[in-house]
């Protein structure tokens, strides 16, 4: 038999189409087909090629996309926080920084932070006892122990009588008026016998914006009626809260923190005010850790550094907020006075015994 193909077995061959342009990269030409020659698709000449297969949205791919979106949202928030903190940096006097003790990174190492809020008020205020123009006194004196898993707070009543370095016997809130934040830090350190690593001054002008960025806070307490800066009738602000839980916006939270005289309960004193301020701080922490806040995170990150003035740069301040948000429930305490003392100027202040100070400091440092 012959090996030559017979009429019944026609020869097999492949047909190619040519492109009109030399070295064309028109459809059909590839890097491996510089002359525009293309093998016909299996369906024959003129038949469309099979469409590319689409990647299916599997649960694993969806999880990866969600994780990437979450990480991007957090990264954006961190950048906004650091930029905002950089803008605010340098607003605390260098003399105050010199009075502070060195400490570790605020997120991973225990640090003692002194929080101050002054009684400076705007022109035209009619609020009793408020200071306008001249040196302001520290209305809020709060120590926080945060970082490295520690979480504790200790308030010092502003009318506590102490020895102010170089100034003699006076109420502790006078130290800020006499020597600014540096003397306030020195006075607290000498009075309690502890180190203070960082200073935070509350910026009352921007504090409400920070609370509003959080979407407000939930506060639980007794009835409150207070008239800040003389109340609405005198161009100030009137706060009215019923007993129980209330949702506060920024202006309400600030007014509550500043409330000295509660018409709903005239028997309240400075210790009540200190406890109320600690409850506000606790409400802020609860809001920071709320899942709802995640969707507001960039706005919160931008406003948080603007609500305070601090010696800390961006990373340390970020570590502080992170430590406050991730630490356990803080043990809140207020120094308990053991009596009263009449000052040379005729005023009266509170006296705290050495035993009470030592006991409170031990508990505070243990966190």
Protein backbone atom coordinates (compact mmCIF):
# COMPACT_ATOMS: atom_id res chain seq x y z
CA UNK A 1 0.00 0.00 0.00
CA UNK A 2 1.13 3.53 -0.67
CA UNK A 3 1.72 6.05 2.11
CA UNK A 4 0.42 8.85 -0.10
CA UNK A 5 -2.94 10.26 1.02
CA UNK A 6 -5.83 9.17 -1.10
CA UNK A 7 -8.75 11.19 -2.36
CA UNK A 8 -10.71 10.15 0.68
CA UNK A 9 -8.12 11.69 3.03
CA UNK A 10 -7.63 15.37 2.11
CA UNK A 11 -4.52 17.02 3.57
CA UNK A 12 -4.89 18.90 6.91
CA UNK A 13 -3.69 22.47 7.11
CA UNK A 14 -4.24 25.65 9.15
CA UNK A 15 -5.51 28.81 7.57
CA UNK A 16 -4.15 32.22 8.64
CA UNK A 17 -5.43 35.74 8.05
CA UNK A 18 -3.09 38.59 7.33
CA UNK A 19 -3.29 42.13 8.64
CA UNK A 20 -3.01 45.09 6.32
CA UNK A 21 -0.21 46.80 8.25
CA UNK A 22 3.29 45.50 8.79
CA UNK A 23 4.13 44.85 12.47
CA UNK A 24 0.59 45.87 13.32
CA UNK A 25 -0.68 45.56 16.89
CA UNK A 26 -4.29 45.82 15.83
CA UNK A 27 -6.75 43.34 17.33
CA UNK A 28 -5.46 39.88 16.60
CA UNK A 29 -1.77 40.84 16.59
CA UNK A 30 0.40 40.12 19.62
CA UNK A 31 4.05 40.30 20.60
CA UNK A 32 4.39 36.73 19.34
CA UNK A 33 2.53 37.52 16.11
CA UNK A 34 4.40 40.55 14.68
CA UNK A 35 3.09 40.01 11.16
CA UNK A 36 -0.52 40.05 12.23
CA UNK A 37 -1.01 36.35 11.55
CA UNK A 38 -3.60 34.76 13.78
CA UNK A 39 -4.88 31.27 13.96
CA UNK A 40 -8.56 31.13 13.30
CA UNK A 41 -10.70 30.36 16.33
CA UNK A 42 -12.06 26.87 16.56
CA UNK A 43 -15.44 27.99 15.32
CA UNK A 44 -14.04 28.98 11.98
CA UNK A 45 -13.44 32.31 10.21
CA UNK A 46 -15.44 35.26 11.45
CA UNK A 47 -16.52 33.58 14.70
CA UNK A 48 -15.98 35.63 17.94
CA UNK A 49 -13.45 34.46 20.49
CA UNK A 50 -14.66 33.13 23.81
CA UNK A 51 -15.09 35.98 26.40
CA UNK A 52 -12.61 36.02 29.30
CA UNK A 53 -13.78 34.37 32.47
CA UNK A 54 -14.78 36.78 35.27
CA UNK A 55 -13.40 36.31 38.78
CA UNK A 56 -16.13 35.17 41.10
CA UNK A 57 -16.79 37.13 44.33
CA UNK A 58 -16.00 34.38 46.79
CA UNK A 59 -16.36 34.90 50.56
CA UNK A 60 -12.59 34.95 50.86
CA UNK A 61 -12.21 37.71 48.26
CA UNK A 62 -14.99 39.73 49.92
CA UNK A 63 -13.20 39.41 53.27
CA UNK A 64 -9.96 40.65 51.70
CA UNK A 65 -11.73 43.67 50.16
CA UNK A 66 -13.42 44.53 53.47
CA UNK A 67 -10.13 44.21 55.37
CA UNK A 68 -8.39 46.49 52.85
CA UNK A 69 -11.16 49.08 53.22
CA UNK A 70 -10.95 48.96 57.03
CA UNK A 71 -7.18 49.33 57.02
CA UNK A 72 -7.41 52.23 54.58
CA UNK A 73 -10.02 53.96 56.78
CA UNK A 74 -7.82 53.55 59.86
CA UNK A 75 -4.71 54.73 57.99
CA UNK A 76 -6.55 57.86 56.83
CA UNK A 77 -7.65 58.56 60.42
CA UNK A 78 -4.11 58.16 61.75
CA UNK A 79 -2.73 60.56 59.15
CA UNK A 80 -5.40 63.15 59.97
CA UNK A 81 -4.67 62.83 63.70
CA UNK A 82 -0.93 63.31 63.22
CA UNK A 83 -1.40 66.30 60.92
CA UNK A 84 -3.83 67.94 63.34
CA UNK A 85 -1.50 67.26 66.29
CA UNK A 86 1.42 68.76 64.38
CA UNK A 87 -0.58 71.94 63.83
CA UNK A 88 -1.41 72.19 67.55
CA UNK A 89 2.09 71.36 68.77
CA UNK A 90 4.03 74.07 70.58
CA UNK A 91 1.07 75.70 72.35
CA UNK A 92 2.33 74.67 75.81
CA UNK A 93 5.04 76.87 77.32
CA UNK A 94 8.56 75.42 77.29
CA UNK A 95 8.82 76.16 81.01
CA UNK A 96 6.04 73.62 81.59
CA UNK A 97 7.91 70.99 79.58
CA UNK A 98 10.96 71.57 81.78
CA UNK A 99 8.91 70.78 84.89
CA UNK A 100 7.83 67.38 83.56
CA UNK A 101 9.56 64.07 84.23
CA UNK A 102 10.64 61.72 81.41
CA UNK A 103 8.39 58.77 80.68
CA UNK A 104 8.01 55.91 78.23
CA UNK A 105 5.78 55.70 75.17
CA UNK A 106 2.27 56.59 76.26
CA UNK A 107 0.62 53.51 74.78
CA UNK A 108 2.93 50.82 76.15
CA UNK A 109 4.46 52.31 79.34
CA UNK A 110 2.67 53.66 82.44
CA UNK A 111 2.58 57.47 82.42
CA UNK A 112 1.12 60.06 84.77
CA UNK A 113 -0.69 62.84 82.89
CA UNK A 114 -1.84 66.06 84.54
CA UNK A 115 -5.03 67.43 83.00
CA UNK A 116 -5.82 71.11 83.65
CA UNK A 117 -8.81 73.23 82.73
CA UNK A 118 -8.66 76.96 83.45
CA UNK A 119 -11.49 79.23 84.55
CA UNK A 120 -10.78 81.84 81.86
CA UNK A 121 -14.05 83.15 80.40
CA UNK A 122 -15.05 85.40 77.55
CA UNK A 123 -15.73 89.12 77.89
CA UNK A 124 -19.19 90.01 79.14
CA UNK A 125 -19.62 86.94 81.34
CA UNK A 126 -21.76 87.23 84.46
CA UNK A 127 -20.89 83.82 85.80
CA UNK A 128 -20.12 84.05 89.55
CA UNK A 129 -16.44 83.57 90.29
CA UNK A 130 -15.38 83.46 86.64
CA UNK A 131 -12.17 85.18 85.66
CA UNK A 132 -12.05 87.54 82.69
CA UNK A 133 -8.89 89.08 81.32
CA UNK A 134 -6.38 88.52 84.13
CA UNK A 135 -4.49 85.35 85.06
CA UNK A 136 -6.82 82.35 85.19
CA UNK A 137 -6.94 79.65 87.82
CA UNK A 138 -7.06 75.92 87.11
CA UNK A 139 -10.72 74.96 87.36
CA UNK A 140 -9.99 71.27 86.76
CA UNK A 141 -7.03 69.39 88.27
CA UNK A 142 -7.06 65.73 87.27
CA UNK A 143 -4.31 63.12 87.21
CA UNK A 144 -4.57 60.15 84.83
CA UNK A 145 -2.46 56.99 85.00
CA UNK A 146 -2.50 55.41 81.53
CA UNK A 147 -0.37 53.16 79.31
CA UNK A 148 0.98 49.66 79.75
CA UNK A 149 -2.41 48.38 80.88
CA UNK A 150 -2.77 50.95 83.68
CA UNK A 151 -5.97 52.92 84.11
CA UNK A 152 -6.64 55.23 87.06
CA UNK A 153 -7.81 58.77 87.71
CA UNK A 154 -7.33 61.04 90.72
CA UNK A 155 -8.98 64.45 91.06
CA UNK A 156 -7.64 67.17 93.34
CA UNK A 157 -10.35 69.60 94.53
CA UNK A 158 -9.43 73.08 93.35
CA UNK A 159 -9.93 74.55 96.84
CA UNK A 160 -7.34 72.24 98.42
CA UNK A 161 -4.80 74.24 100.46
CA UNK A 162 -1.16 73.51 99.55
CA UNK A 163 2.30 75.04 99.70
CA UNK A 164 2.92 76.58 96.27
CA UNK A 165 6.70 76.61 95.55
CA UNK A 166 8.02 80.14 96.11
CA UNK A 167 4.53 81.54 96.75
CA UNK A 168 3.51 80.23 100.16
CA UNK A 169 0.26 78.79 101.40
CA UNK A 170 -2.72 79.06 99.04
CA UNK A 171 -5.39 77.09 97.22
CA UNK A 172 -3.92 74.73 94.65
CA UNK A 173 -5.82 76.31 91.75
CA UNK A 174 -3.95 79.57 92.35
CA UNK A 175 -0.68 78.00 91.15
CA UNK A 176 -1.81 78.24 87.53
CA UNK A 177 -2.65 81.93 87.91
CA UNK A 178 0.63 82.72 89.69
CA UNK A 179 3.04 80.80 87.44
CA UNK A 180 1.17 79.19 84.59
CA UNK A 181 1.20 75.46 83.81
CA UNK A 182 4.84 75.06 84.91
CA UNK A 183 4.08 76.13 88.49
CA UNK A 184 0.90 74.05 88.46
CA UNK A 185 2.95 70.95 87.57
CA UNK A 186 5.55 71.71 90.25
CA UNK A 187 2.85 72.25 92.87
CA UNK A 188 1.09 68.96 92.15
CA UNK A 189 4.40 67.05 92.18
CA UNK A 190 5.42 68.56 95.52
CA UNK A 191 1.97 68.14 97.09
CA UNK A 192 1.58 64.44 96.22
CA UNK A 193 5.24 63.43 96.00
CA UNK A 194 4.91 61.83 92.55
CA UNK A 195 6.35 62.29 89.07
CA UNK A 196 4.29 63.90 86.31
CA UNK A 197 5.25 62.82 82.80
CA UNK A 198 2.90 64.82 80.58
CA UNK A 199 0.60 67.83 80.66
CA UNK A 200 -2.74 68.27 78.92
CA UNK A 201 -4.69 71.54 79.02
CA UNK A 202 -8.32 71.38 77.89
CA UNK A 203 -9.09 73.83 75.10
CA UNK A 204 -12.63 74.93 75.95
CA UNK A 205 -13.02 76.67 72.59
CA UNK A 206 -12.56 73.46 70.56
CA UNK A 207 -13.81 70.91 73.11
CA UNK A 208 -17.45 71.05 71.91
CA UNK A 209 -16.37 70.28 68.33
CA UNK A 210 -14.61 67.14 69.54
CA UNK A 211 -17.73 65.94 71.38
CA UNK A 212 -19.88 66.67 68.32
CA UNK A 213 -17.43 64.71 66.12
CA UNK A 214 -18.06 61.74 68.42
CA UNK A 215 -21.79 62.17 67.88
CA UNK A 216 -22.27 63.33 71.46
CA UNK A 217 -21.91 61.39 74.71
CA UNK A 218 -24.29 59.58 77.06
CA UNK A 219 -24.18 60.90 80.61
CA UNK A 220 -25.99 59.41 83.60
CA UNK A 221 -26.46 61.47 86.74
CA UNK A 222 -28.77 63.55 88.84
CA UNK A 223 -30.81 66.59 87.88
CA UNK A 224 -28.71 69.59 86.80
CA UNK A 225 -29.76 73.19 86.22
CA UNK A 226 -26.86 75.61 85.77
CA UNK A 227 -26.43 79.00 84.16
CA UNK A 228 -23.02 79.36 82.51
CA UNK A 229 -21.91 82.95 81.85
CA UNK A 230 -25.15 84.22 83.35
CA UNK A 231 -27.43 81.90 81.39
CA UNK A 232 -29.37 82.53 78.20
CA UNK A 233 -30.91 85.75 79.54
CA UNK A 234 -27.47 87.31 79.92
CA UNK A 235 -25.91 86.01 76.71
CA UNK A 236 -24.54 82.85 78.34
CA UNK A 237 -25.70 79.25 78.32
CA UNK A 238 -28.35 77.51 80.44
CA UNK A 239 -28.05 73.76 80.97
CA UNK A 240 -31.04 71.67 82.06
CA UNK A 241 -30.70 67.91 82.54
CA UNK A 242 -33.23 65.51 83.99
CA UNK A 243 -32.24 62.80 86.42
CA UNK A 244 -31.08 59.65 84.65
CA UNK A 245 -29.37 59.26 81.28
CA UNK A 246 -29.04 62.17 78.87
CA UNK A 247 -27.41 62.43 75.46
CA UNK A 248 -25.24 65.54 75.40
CA UNK A 249 -23.88 67.51 72.48
CA UNK A 250 -20.63 69.47 72.67
CA UNK A 251 -22.02 72.64 74.26
CA UNK A 252 -23.97 70.68 76.85
CA UNK A 253 -20.95 68.54 77.78
CA UNK A 254 -18.77 71.63 78.24
CA UNK A 255 -21.43 73.37 80.33
CA UNK A 256 -21.79 70.29 82.53
CA UNK A 257 -18.02 70.08 83.08
CA UNK A 258 -17.93 73.76 84.06
CA UNK A 259 -20.98 73.70 86.33
CA UNK A 260 -20.16 75.15 89.75
CA UNK A 261 -23.63 75.87 91.11
CA UNK A 262 -26.40 73.38 90.47
CA UNK A 263 -29.78 74.97 91.12
CA UNK A 264 -31.31 71.48 91.16
CA UNK A 265 -29.10 70.55 94.11
CA UNK A 266 -27.57 73.58 95.88
CA UNK A 267 -25.83 71.32 98.43
CA UNK A 268 -23.32 70.07 95.82
CA UNK A 269 -19.68 70.96 96.49
CA UNK A 270 -16.35 70.87 94.70
CA UNK A 271 -16.01 67.12 95.26
CA UNK A 272 -19.30 66.56 93.45
CA UNK A 273 -18.01 68.66 90.57
CA UNK A 274 -14.79 66.63 90.37
CA UNK A 275 -16.73 63.36 90.27
CA UNK A 276 -18.99 64.75 87.55
CA UNK A 277 -15.96 65.67 85.42
CA UNK A 278 -14.60 62.15 85.79
CA UNK A 279 -17.96 60.73 84.67
CA UNK A 280 -17.79 62.94 81.58
CA UNK A 281 -14.32 61.59 80.83
CA UNK A 282 -15.64 58.06 81.23
CA UNK A 283 -18.50 58.83 78.84
CA UNK A 284 -16.00 60.10 76.26
CA UNK A 285 -14.01 56.88 76.56
CA UNK A 286 -17.17 54.79 76.09
CA UNK A 287 -17.96 56.72 72.94
CA UNK A 288 -14.41 56.31 71.61
CA UNK A 289 -14.71 52.54 71.86
CA UNK A 290 -18.23 52.39 70.40
CA UNK A 291 -18.55 50.65 66.99
CA UNK A 292 -20.55 53.66 65.79
CA UNK A 293 -17.47 55.87 66.24
CA UNK A 294 -15.55 53.82 63.67
CA UNK A 295 -17.60 55.40 60.89
CA UNK A 296 -16.77 58.85 62.33
CA UNK A 297 -13.11 58.06 62.91
CA UNK A 298 -11.53 60.56 60.47
CA UNK A 299 -13.60 63.44 61.90
CA UNK A 300 -12.82 62.38 65.47
CA UNK A 301 -9.12 62.06 64.63
CA UNK A 302 -9.02 65.57 63.20
CA UNK A 303 -10.83 67.20 66.15
CA UNK A 304 -9.23 65.30 69.06
CA UNK A 305 -5.82 67.07 69.03
CA UNK A 306 -7.55 70.45 68.67
CA UNK A 307 -9.47 69.91 71.92
CA UNK A 308 -6.28 69.96 74.01
CA UNK A 309 -2.93 71.71 74.37
CA UNK A 310 -0.12 69.36 75.33
CA UNK A 311 3.63 68.90 75.55
CA UNK A 312 3.24 65.71 73.49
CA UNK A 313 3.99 65.46 69.78
CA UNK A 314 1.71 63.56 67.39
CA UNK A 315 2.83 59.95 68.05
CA UNK A 316 2.83 60.37 71.85
CA UNK A 317 -0.56 62.08 71.82
CA UNK A 318 -1.90 59.32 69.58
CA UNK A 319 -0.53 56.78 72.05
CA UNK A 320 -2.33 58.60 74.88
CA UNK A 321 -5.69 58.51 73.14
CA UNK A 322 -5.07 54.87 72.23
CA UNK A 323 -4.21 54.00 75.84
CA UNK A 324 -7.34 55.74 77.13
CA UNK A 325 -9.52 53.96 74.57
CA UNK A 326 -8.08 50.46 75.07
CA UNK A 327 -7.45 50.41 78.82
CA UNK A 328 -9.92 48.94 81.24
CA UNK A 329 -12.43 50.86 83.29
CA UNK A 330 -10.52 53.53 85.15
CA UNK A 331 -10.63 53.63 88.92
CA UNK A 332 -11.80 57.15 89.64
CA UNK A 333 -10.96 58.75 92.96
CA UNK A 334 -11.14 62.22 94.50
CA UNK A 335 -8.87 63.36 97.33
CA UNK A 336 -10.99 63.52 100.48
CA UNK A 337 -10.45 66.58 102.68
CA UNK A 338 -10.09 66.08 106.42
CA UNK A 339 -10.94 69.63 107.42
CA UNK A 340 -10.79 73.31 106.50
CA UNK A 341 -8.18 76.04 106.84
CA UNK A 342 -8.41 79.81 106.86
CA UNK A 343 -5.87 81.49 104.59
CA UNK A 344 -4.01 84.77 105.27
CA UNK A 345 -6.27 86.59 102.79
CA UNK A 346 -9.31 85.55 104.81
CA UNK A 347 -10.47 82.85 102.40
CA UNK A 348 -11.12 79.27 103.42
CA UNK A 349 -9.82 76.11 101.81
CA UNK A 350 -9.83 72.35 102.24
CA UNK A 351 -7.11 70.40 104.01
CA UNK A 352 -6.10 66.87 102.99
CA UNK A 353 -4.21 64.78 105.54
CA UNK A 354 -0.88 63.15 104.75
CA UNK A 355 -2.42 59.72 105.37
CA UNK A 356 -5.13 60.37 102.78
CA UNK A 357 -2.60 61.62 100.24
CA UNK A 358 -0.33 58.61 100.66
CA UNK A 359 -3.22 56.16 100.45
CA UNK A 360 -4.65 57.84 97.34
CA UNK A 361 -1.25 57.96 95.61
CA UNK A 362 -0.56 54.27 96.26
CA UNK A 363 -3.89 53.29 94.75
CA UNK A 364 -3.40 55.66 91.84
CA UNK A 365 0.05 54.34 90.90
CA UNK A 366 -1.15 50.74 91.07
CA UNK A 367 -3.74 51.67 88.42
